Structures are given as structure tokens and as C-alpha cells.
Amino acid sequence: MNVRYLYQPGELEGGAKRATDPFWSFKMIYTLESAVTKPDEPVVYSLRDGPKRSFVREELLVVPSNKQLPPAQCRSPDRTIPSRLSAACP
């Protein structure tokens, strides 16, 4: 299953949080690697090639398999879009 994960406060570098900062991971789409279940506790997931921490269901966003990432120049958190690229980054 393909997912994006919810950023933790302060996970993105760059000082104060702005309204335009992303909430979900945007550089990659990750695959679930494992799920750990314990009685009376939420299921905990880990991601293949993702952060070395675990996630609960509410911290993951399922990405449909037919979706593609936007072009690389549109995924940089500190990007400035030149006019010639503005059509490529809606």
C-alpha cells in the first residue's frame, strides 16, 4: 500500500511554521513495510525507506496506486517558480 506520512512539528527545517507549509510528506510516496499489533493498542506501521519512526493509522495518507508525484521542481519546499515553469506547477 502506498502512503504519505504526517510531518511531526519541527520536522521540516526552516524556523516558524507558515500557513503554506506542507502537512504530508511530499518528496516520496512510501510503501508500508510492517504492521505491529498488540491487544488493546493501535496498530503501529513502519515505512520502507522512510523515517525511522512508527506511525498510527491517523498519521498516514493512502495514495491511490494510479497517482504520480508532481515534477521534481514542484516538490521542493523552498521553491520559487520561474514564469516559464508556472504551468508545470499548478
PDB file of N, CA and C in Angstrom:
ATOM      1  N   MET A   1       0.846  -1.165   0.000  1.00  0.00           N
ATOM      2  CA  MET A   1       0.000   0.000   0.000  1.00  0.00           C
ATOM      3  C   MET A   1       0.895   1.233   0.000  1.00  0.00           C
ATOM      4  N   ASN A   2       0.595   2.199  -0.833  1.00  0.00           N
ATOM      5  CA  ASN A   2       1.364   3.434  -0.942  1.00  0.00           C
ATOM      6  C   ASN A   2       0.773   4.495  -0.027  1.00  0.00           C
ATOM      7  N   VAL A   3       1.649   5.186   0.704  1.00  0.00           N
ATOM      8  CA  VAL A   3       1.188   6.190   1.663  1.00  0.00           C
ATOM      9  C   VAL A   3       2.124   7.392   1.697  1.00  0.00           C
ATOM     10  N   ARG A   4       1.619   8.487   2.257  1.00  0.00           N
ATOM     11  CA  ARG A   4       2.414   9.635   2.672  1.00  0.00           C
ATOM     12  C   ARG A   4       2.237   9.735   4.174  1.00  0.00           C
ATOM     13  N   TYR A   5       3.195  10.349   4.862  1.00  0.00           N
ATOM     14  CA  TYR A   5       3.081  10.439   6.312  1.00  0.00           C
ATOM     15  C   TYR A   5       2.922  11.888   6.761  1.00  0.00           C
ATOM     16  N   LEU A   6       2.329  12.052   7.930  1.00  0.00           N
ATOM     17  CA  LEU A   6       2.106  13.358   8.528  1.00  0.00           C
ATOM     18  C   LEU A   6       3.399  13.832   9.184  1.00  0.00           C
ATOM     19  N   TYR A   7       3.815  15.053   8.846  1.00  0.00           N
ATOM     20  CA  TYR A   7       5.024  15.599   9.451  1.00  0.00           C
ATOM     21  C   TYR A   7       4.811  15.849  10.935  1.00  0.00           C
ATOM     22  N   GLN A   8       5.856  15.631  11.737  1.00  0.00           N
ATOM     23  CA  GLN A   8       5.843  16.000  13.143  1.00  0.00           C
ATOM     24  C   GLN A   8       6.194  17.472  13.244  1.00  0.00           C
ATOM     25  N   PRO A   9       5.741  18.152  14.302  1.00  0.00           N
ATOM     26  CA  PRO A   9       6.130  19.563  14.469  1.00  0.00           C
ATOM     27  C   PRO A   9       7.652  19.705  14.453  1.00  0.00           C
ATOM     28  N   GLY A  10       8.161  20.622  13.637  1.00  0.00           N
ATOM     29  CA  GLY A  10       9.591  20.866  13.552  1.00  0.00           C
ATOM     30  C   GLY A  10      10.348  19.899  12.665  1.00  0.00           C
ATOM     31  N   GLU A  11       9.664  18.964  12.012  1.00  0.00           N
ATOM     32  CA  GLU A  11      10.376  18.001  11.166  1.00  0.00           C
ATOM     33  C   GLU A  11      10.960  18.656   9.926  1.00  0.00           C
ATOM     34  N   LEU A  12      10.237  19.613   9.363  1.00  0.00           N
ATOM     35  CA  LEU A  12      10.791  20.365   8.239  1.00  0.00           C
ATOM     36  C   LEU A  12      11.695  21.454   8.795  1.00  0.00           C
ATOM     37  N   GLU A  13      12.825  21.664   8.152  1.00  0.00           N
ATOM     38  CA  GLU A  13      13.741  22.701   8.605  1.00  0.00           C
ATOM     39  C   GLU A  13      13.227  24.059   8.170  1.00  0.00           C
ATOM     40  N   GLY A  14      13.581  25.079   8.929  1.00  0.00           N
ATOM     41  CA  GLY A  14      13.276  26.415   8.463  1.00  0.00           C
ATOM     42  C   GLY A  14      12.484  27.293   9.400  1.00  0.00           C
ATOM     43  N   GLY A  15      12.675  27.210  10.681  1.00  0.00           N
ATOM     44  CA  GLY A  15      12.086  28.172  11.605  1.00  0.00           C
ATOM     45  C   GLY A  15      10.596  28.054  11.806  1.00  0.00           C
ATOM     46  N   ALA A  16       9.927  29.216  11.862  1.00  0.00           N
ATOM     47  CA  ALA A  16       8.498  29.273  12.182  1.00  0.00           C
ATOM     48  C   ALA A  16       7.650  28.610  11.107  1.00  0.00           C
ATOM     49  N   LYS A  17       6.570  27.998  11.535  1.00  0.00           N
ATOM     50  CA  LYS A  17       5.657  27.343  10.589  1.00  0.00           C
ATOM     51  C   LYS A  17       4.814  28.404   9.894  1.00  0.00           C
ATOM     52  N   ARG A  18       4.637  28.210   8.594  1.00  0.00           N
ATOM     53  CA  ARG A  18       3.820  29.125   7.797  1.00  0.00           C
ATOM     54  C   ARG A  18       2.571  28.393   7.338  1.00  0.00           C
ATOM     55  N   ALA A  19       1.554  29.126   6.973  1.00  0.00           N
ATOM     56  CA  ALA A  19       0.301  28.534   6.521  1.00  0.00           C
ATOM     57  C   ALA A  19       0.488  27.710   5.259  1.00  0.00           C
ATOM     58  N   THR A  20       1.499  28.016   4.471  1.00  0.00           N
ATOM     59  CA  THR A  20       1.711  27.299   3.214  1.00  0.00           C
ATOM     60  C   THR A  20       2.604  26.073   3.348  1.00  0.00           C
ATOM     61  N   ASP A  21       3.115  25.811   4.554  1.00  0.00           N
ATOM     62  CA  ASP A  21       3.957  24.630   4.757  1.00  0.00           C
ATOM     63  C   ASP A  21       3.132  23.362   4.578  1.00  0.00           C
ATOM     64  N   PRO A  22       3.739  22.311   4.018  1.00  0.00           N
ATOM     65  CA  PRO A  22       3.004  21.060   3.817  1.00  0.00           C
ATOM     66  C   PRO A  22       2.760  20.331   5.138  1.00  0.00           C
ATOM     67  N   PHE A  23       1.667  19.588   5.188  1.00  0.00           N
ATOM     68  CA  PHE A  23       1.361  18.751   6.343  1.00  0.00           C
ATOM     69  C   PHE A  23       1.816  17.323   6.101  1.00  0.00           C
ATOM     70  N   TRP A  24       1.773  16.879   4.848  1.00  0.00           N
ATOM     71  CA  TRP A  24       2.081  15.495   4.474  1.00  0.00           C
ATOM     72  C   TRP A  24       3.394  15.438   3.708  1.00  0.00           C
ATOM     73  N   SER A  25       4.092  14.309   3.815  1.00  0.00           N
ATOM     74  CA  SER A  25       5.354  14.135   3.079  1.00  0.00           C
ATOM     75  C   SER A  25       5.096  14.344   1.596  1.00  0.00           C
ATOM     76  N   PHE A  26       6.031  14.967   0.929  1.00  0.00           N
ATOM     77  CA  PHE A  26       5.796  15.283  -0.478  1.00  0.00           C
ATOM     78  C   PHE A  26       6.926  14.860  -1.397  1.00  0.00           C
ATOM     79  N   LYS A  27       8.089  14.507  -0.879  1.00  0.00           N
ATOM     80  CA  LYS A  27       9.209  14.145  -1.748  1.00  0.00           C
ATOM     81  C   LYS A  27       9.090  12.736  -2.291  1.00  0.00           C
ATOM     82  N   MET A  28       8.430  11.863  -1.539  1.00  0.00           N
ATOM     83  CA  MET A  28       8.303  10.461  -1.955  1.00  0.00           C
ATOM     84  C   MET A  28       6.953   9.927  -1.526  1.00  0.00           C
ATOM     85  N   ILE A  29       6.571   8.855  -2.182  1.00  0.00           N
ATOM     86  CA  ILE A  29       5.443   8.051  -1.739  1.00  0.00           C
ATOM     87  C   ILE A  29       6.063   6.787  -1.168  1.00  0.00           C
ATOM     88  N   TYR A  30       5.682   6.422   0.035  1.00  0.00           N
ATOM     89  CA  TYR A  30       6.294   5.308   0.742  1.00  0.00           C
ATOM     90  C   TYR A  30       5.410   4.073   0.708  1.00  0.00           C
ATOM     91  N   THR A  31       6.031   2.928   0.922  1.00  0.00           N
ATOM     92  CA  THR A  31       5.336   1.646   0.989  1.00  0.00           C
ATOM     93  C   THR A  31       5.393   1.159   2.432  1.00  0.00           C
ATOM     94  N   LEU A  32       4.275   0.594   2.885  1.00  0.00           N
ATOM     95  CA  LEU A  32       4.265   0.037   4.230  1.00  0.00           C
ATOM     96  C   LEU A  32       5.199  -1.158   4.285  1.00  0.00           C
ATOM     97  N   GLU A  33       6.035  -1.201   5.307  1.00  0.00           N
ATOM     98  CA  GLU A  33       6.975  -2.304   5.456  1.00  0.00           C
ATOM     99  C   GLU A  33       6.443  -3.341   6.438  1.00  0.00           C
ATOM    100  N   SER A  34       5.894  -2.860   7.553  1.00  0.00           N
ATOM    101  CA  SER A  34       5.375  -3.807   8.542  1.00  0.00           C
ATOM    102  C   SER A  34       4.291  -3.145   9.374  1.00  0.00           C
ATOM    103  N   ALA A  35       3.504  -3.986  10.008  1.00  0.00           N
ATOM    104  CA  ALA A  35       2.460  -3.541  10.924  1.00  0.00           C
ATOM    105  C   ALA A  35       2.560  -4.399  12.177  1.00  0.00           C
ATOM    106  N   VAL A  36       2.575  -3.751  13.335  1.00  0.00           N
ATOM    107  CA  VAL A  36       2.681  -4.462  14.605  1.00  0.00           C
ATOM    108  C   VAL A  36       1.375  -4.279  15.361  1.00  0.00           C
ATOM    109  N   THR A  37       0.790  -5.394  15.778  1.00  0.00           N
ATOM    110  CA  THR A  37      -0.452  -5.334  16.540  1.00  0.00           C
ATOM    111  C   THR A  37      -0.236  -5.906  17.928  1.00  0.00           C
ATOM    112  N   LYS A  38      -0.836  -5.228  18.904  1.00  0.00           N
ATOM    113  CA  LYS A  38      -0.832  -5.690  20.295  1.00  0.00           C
ATOM    114  C   LYS A  38      -2.249  -5.533  20.821  1.00  0.00           C
ATOM    115  N   PRO A  39      -2.672  -6.414  21.710  1.00  0.00           N
ATOM    116  CA  PRO A  39      -4.035  -6.301  22.246  1.00  0.00           C
ATOM    117  C   PRO A  39      -4.262  -4.947  22.925  1.00  0.00           C
ATOM    118  N   ASP A  40      -5.413  -4.359  22.648  1.00  0.00           N
ATOM    119  CA  ASP A  40      -5.840  -3.090  23.256  1.00  0.00           C
ATOM    120  C   ASP A  40      -4.920  -1.914  22.946  1.00  0.00           C
ATOM    121  N   GLU A  41      -4.171  -1.990  21.860  1.00  0.00           N
ATOM    122  CA  GLU A  41      -3.332  -0.876  21.419  1.00  0.00           C
ATOM    123  C   GLU A  41      -3.540  -0.679  19.921  1.00  0.00           C
ATOM    124  N   PRO A  42      -3.317   0.551  19.419  1.00  0.00           N
ATOM    125  CA  PRO A  42      -3.480   0.769  17.974  1.00  0.00           C
ATOM    126  C   PRO A  42      -2.401   0.036  17.177  1.00  0.00           C
ATOM    127  N   VAL A  43      -2.724  -0.271  15.928  1.00  0.00           N
ATOM    128  CA  VAL A  43      -1.745  -0.890  15.034  1.00  0.00           C
ATOM    129  C   VAL A  43      -0.668   0.151  14.728  1.00  0.00           C
ATOM    130  N   VAL A  44       0.590  -0.266  14.764  1.00  0.00           N
ATOM    131  CA  VAL A  44       1.720   0.623  14.504  1.00  0.00           C
ATOM    132  C   VAL A  44       2.396   0.168  13.215  1.00  0.00           C
ATOM    133  N   TYR A  45       2.613   1.120  12.294  1.00  0.00           N
ATOM    134  CA  TYR A  45       3.166   0.828  10.974  1.00  0.00           C
ATOM    135  C   TYR A  45       4.562   1.417  10.835  1.00  0.00           C
ATOM    136  N   SER A  46       5.404   0.746  10.044  1.00  0.00           N
ATOM    137  CA  SER A  46       6.698   1.325   9.664  1.00  0.00           C
ATOM    138  C   SER A  46       6.758   1.378   8.145  1.00  0.00           C
ATOM    139  N   LEU A  47       7.557   2.318   7.638  1.00  0.00           N
ATOM    140  CA  LEU A  47       7.635   2.562   6.203  1.00  0.00           C
ATOM    141  C   LEU A  47       8.960   2.083   5.636  1.00  0.00           C
ATOM    142  N   ARG A  48       8.919   1.531   4.433  1.00  0.00           N
ATOM    143  CA  ARG A  48      10.136   1.128   3.742  1.00  0.00           C
ATOM    144  C   ARG A  48      10.828   2.391   3.225  1.00  0.00           C
ATOM    145  N   ASP A  49      12.108   2.554   3.534  1.00  0.00           N
ATOM    146  CA  ASP A  49      12.919   3.710   3.115  1.00  0.00           C
ATOM    147  C   ASP A  49      12.359   5.034   3.625  1.00  0.00           C
ATOM    148  N   GLY A  50      11.617   4.999   4.718  1.00  0.00           N
ATOM    149  CA  GLY A  50      11.052   6.215   5.299  1.00  0.00           C
ATOM    150  C   GLY A  50      11.740   6.566   6.598  1.00  0.00           C
ATOM    151  N   PRO A  51      11.172   7.490   7.347  1.00  0.00           N
ATOM    152  CA  PRO A  51      11.746   7.856   8.639  1.00  0.00           C
ATOM    153  C   PRO A  51      11.812   6.639   9.562  1.00  0.00           C
ATOM    154  N   LYS A  52      12.777   6.653  10.454  1.00  0.00           N
ATOM    155  CA  LYS A  52      12.967   5.519  11.374  1.00  0.00           C
ATOM    156  C   LYS A  52      12.092   5.675  12.615  1.00  0.00           C
ATOM    157  N   ARG A  53      10.834   5.960  12.416  1.00  0.00           N
ATOM    158  CA  ARG A  53       9.859   6.022  13.498  1.00  0.00           C
ATOM    159  C   ARG A  53       8.602   5.295  13.052  1.00  0.00           C
ATOM    160  N   SER A  54       7.726   5.038  13.982  1.00  0.00           N
ATOM    161  CA  SER A  54       6.499   4.311  13.670  1.00  0.00           C
ATOM    162  C   SER A  54       5.333   5.276  13.548  1.00  0.00           C
ATOM    163  N   PHE A  55       4.267   4.818  12.891  1.00  0.00           N
ATOM    164  CA  PHE A  55       3.096   5.646  12.633  1.00  0.00           C
ATOM    165  C   PHE A  55       1.827   4.880  12.998  1.00  0.00           C
ATOM    166  N   VAL A  56       0.815   5.600  13.459  1.00  0.00           N
ATOM    167  CA  VAL A  56      -0.511   5.014  13.619  1.00  0.00           C
ATOM    168  C   VAL A  56      -1.330   5.407  12.384  1.00  0.00           C
ATOM    169  N   ARG A  57      -2.487   4.787  12.231  1.00  0.00           N
ATOM    170  CA  ARG A  57      -3.301   4.967  11.031  1.00  0.00           C
ATOM    171  C   ARG A  57      -3.583   6.436  10.719  1.00  0.00           C
ATOM    172  N   GLU A  58      -3.862   7.243  11.749  1.00  0.00           N
ATOM    173  CA  GLU A  58      -4.213   8.646  11.534  1.00  0.00           C
ATOM    174  C   GLU A  58      -3.051   9.486  11.012  1.00  0.00           C
ATOM    175  N   GLU A  59      -1.832   8.971  11.091  1.00  0.00           N
ATOM    176  CA  GLU A  59      -0.664   9.699  10.613  1.00  0.00           C
ATOM    177  C   GLU A  59      -0.264   9.313   9.200  1.00  0.00           C
ATOM    178  N   LEU A  60      -1.072   8.467   8.540  1.00  0.00           N
ATOM    179  CA  LEU A  60      -0.773   8.018   7.183  1.00  0.00           C
ATOM    180  C   LEU A  60      -1.901   8.396   6.243  1.00  0.00           C
ATOM    181  N   LEU A  61      -1.538   8.782   5.037  1.00  0.00           N
ATOM    182  CA  LEU A  61      -2.487   9.144   3.992  1.00  0.00           C
ATOM    183  C   LEU A  61      -2.302   8.170   2.842  1.00  0.00           C
ATOM    184  N   VAL A  62      -3.329   7.386   2.541  1.00  0.00           N
ATOM    185  CA  VAL A  62      -3.236   6.398   1.468  1.00  0.00           C
ATOM    186  C   VAL A  62      -3.221   7.124   0.127  1.00  0.00           C
ATOM    187  N   VAL A  63      -2.288   6.735  -0.733  1.00  0.00           N
ATOM    188  CA  VAL A  63      -2.164   7.309  -2.074  1.00  0.00           C
ATOM    189  C   VAL A  63      -2.619   6.248  -3.067  1.00  0.00           C
ATOM    190  N   PRO A  64      -3.662   6.532  -3.867  1.00  0.00           N
ATOM    191  CA  PRO A  64      -4.110   5.542  -4.843  1.00  0.00           C
ATOM    192  C   PRO A  64      -2.972   5.129  -5.775  1.00  0.00           C
ATOM    193  N   SER A  65      -2.972   3.876  -6.191  1.00  0.00           N
ATOM    194  CA  SER A  65      -1.858   3.340  -6.980  1.00  0.00           C
ATOM    195  C   SER A  65      -1.723   3.993  -8.353  1.00  0.00           C
ATOM    196  N   ASN A  66      -2.763   4.634  -8.856  1.00  0.00           N
ATOM    197  CA  ASN A  66      -2.678   5.253 -10.184  1.00  0.00           C
ATOM    198  C   ASN A  66      -2.220   6.709 -10.126  1.00  0.00           C
ATOM    199  N   LYS A  67      -1.816   7.209  -8.945  1.00  0.00           N
ATOM    200  CA  LYS A  67      -1.356   8.592  -8.803  1.00  0.00           C
ATOM    201  C   LYS A  67       0.144   8.679  -9.008  1.00  0.00           C
ATOM    202  N   GLN A  68       0.601   9.812  -9.552  1.00  0.00           N
ATOM    203  CA  GLN A  68       2.024  10.070  -9.746  1.00  0.00           C
ATOM    204  C   GLN A  68       2.404  11.322  -8.970  1.00  0.00           C
ATOM    205  N   LEU A  69       3.670  11.410  -8.596  1.00  0.00           N
ATOM    206  CA  LEU A  69       4.173  12.608  -7.945  1.00  0.00           C
ATOM    207  C   LEU A  69       4.256  13.750  -8.951  1.00  0.00           C
ATOM    208  N   PRO A  70       4.134  15.000  -8.493  1.00  0.00           N
ATOM    209  CA  PRO A  70       4.346  16.128  -9.395  1.00  0.00           C
ATOM    210  C   PRO A  70       5.812  16.204  -9.804  1.00  0.00           C
ATOM    211  N   PRO A  71       6.140  16.992 -10.829  1.00  0.00           N
ATOM    212  CA  PRO A  71       7.541  17.132 -11.247  1.00  0.00           C
ATOM    213  C   PRO A  71       8.424  17.563 -10.083  1.00  0.00           C
ATOM    214  N   ALA A  72       9.697  17.200 -10.128  1.00  0.00           N
ATOM    215  CA  ALA A  72      10.628  17.466  -9.035  1.00  0.00           C
ATOM    216  C   ALA A  72      10.717  18.952  -8.682  1.00  0.00           C
ATOM    217  N   GLN A  73      10.679  19.844  -9.659  1.00  0.00           N
ATOM    218  CA  GLN A  73      10.802  21.271  -9.364  1.00  0.00           C
ATOM    219  C   GLN A  73       9.592  21.795  -8.601  1.00  0.00           C
ATOM    220  N   CYS A  74       8.496  21.043  -8.579  1.00  0.00           N
ATOM    221  CA  CYS A  74       7.299  21.456  -7.846  1.00  0.00           C
ATOM    222  C   CYS A  74       7.274  20.899  -6.433  1.00  0.00           C
ATOM    223  N   ARG A  75       8.183  19.987  -6.091  1.00  0.00           N
ATOM    224  CA  ARG A  75       8.153  19.330  -4.789  1.00  0.00           C
ATOM    225  C   ARG A  75       9.103  19.914  -3.773  1.00  0.00           C
ATOM    226  N   SER A  76       9.905  20.884  -4.138  1.00  0.00           N
ATOM    227  CA  SER A  76      10.859  21.466  -3.201  1.00  0.00           C
ATOM    228  C   SER A  76      10.127  22.415  -2.254  1.00  0.00           C
ATOM    229  N   PRO A  77      10.311  22.288  -0.935  1.00  0.00           N
ATOM    230  CA  PRO A  77       9.579  23.145  -0.003  1.00  0.00           C
ATOM    231  C   PRO A  77       9.973  24.610  -0.081  1.00  0.00           C
ATOM    232  N   ASP A  78      11.163  24.920  -0.594  1.00  0.00           N
ATOM    233  CA  ASP A  78      11.604  26.306  -0.670  1.00  0.00           C
ATOM    234  C   ASP A  78      11.668  26.790  -2.120  1.00  0.00           C
ATOM    235  N   ARG A  79      10.836  26.235  -2.951  1.00  0.00           N
ATOM    236  CA  ARG A  79      10.896  26.556  -4.378  1.00  0.00           C
ATOM    237  C   ARG A  79      10.365  27.954  -4.665  1.00  0.00           C
ATOM    238  N   THR A  80      10.924  28.548  -5.695  1.00  0.00           N
ATOM    239  CA  THR A  80      10.351  29.739  -6.291  1.00  0.00           C
ATOM    240  C   THR A  80      10.122  29.367  -7.738  1.00  0.00           C
ATOM    241  N   ILE A  81       8.944  29.618  -8.234  1.00  0.00           N
ATOM    242  CA  ILE A  81       8.579  29.150  -9.563  1.00  0.00           C
ATOM    243  C   ILE A  81       8.851  30.244 -10.595  1.00  0.00           C
ATOM    244  N   PRO A  82       9.832  30.022 -11.455  1.00  0.00           N
ATOM    245  CA  PRO A  82      10.022  30.962 -12.554  1.00  0.00           C
ATOM    246  C   PRO A  82       8.798  30.945 -13.462  1.00  0.00           C
ATOM    247  N   SER A  83       8.554  32.019 -14.167  1.00  0.00           N
ATOM    248  CA  SER A  83       7.349  32.116 -15.002  1.00  0.00           C
ATOM    249  C   SER A  83       7.281  31.015 -16.050  1.00  0.00           C
ATOM    250  N   ARG A  84       8.428  30.552 -16.545  1.00  0.00           N
ATOM    251  CA  ARG A  84       8.409  29.505 -17.568  1.00  0.00           C
ATOM    252  C   ARG A  84       7.979  28.157 -17.005  1.00  0.00           C
ATOM    253  N   LEU A  85       8.035  27.971 -15.676  1.00  0.00           N
ATOM    254  CA  LEU A  85       7.640  26.709 -15.056  1.00  0.00           C
ATOM    255  C   LEU A  85       6.258  26.766 -14.417  1.00  0.00           C
ATOM    256  N   SER A  86       5.666  27.946 -14.340  1.00  0.00           N
ATOM    257  CA  SER A  86       4.420  28.076 -13.593  1.00  0.00           C
ATOM    258  C   SER A  86       3.314  27.171 -14.122  1.00  0.00           C
ATOM    259  N   ALA A  87       3.307  26.886 -15.417  1.00  0.00           N
ATOM    260  CA  ALA A  87       2.287  25.991 -15.961  1.00  0.00           C
ATOM    261  C   ALA A  87       2.525  24.542 -15.524  1.00  0.00           C
ATOM    262  N   ALA A  88       3.774  24.203 -15.239  1.00  0.00           N
ATOM    263  CA  ALA A  88       4.094  22.837 -14.832  1.00  0.00           C
ATOM    264  C   ALA A  88       3.793  22.598 -13.355  1.00  0.00           C
ATOM    265  N   CYS A  89       3.625  23.647 -12.568  1.00  0.00           N
ATOM    266  CA  CYS A  89       3.388  23.525 -11.121  1.00  0.00           C
ATOM    267  C   CYS A  89       2.073  24.216 -10.763  1.00  0.00           C
ATOM    268  N   PRO A  90       0.974  23.507 -10.924  1.00  0.00           N
ATOM    269  CA  PRO A  90      -0.323  24.149 -10.626  1.00  0.00           C
ATOM    270  C   PRO A  90      -0.482  24.467  -9.159  1.00  0.00           C
TER     271      PRO A  90
END
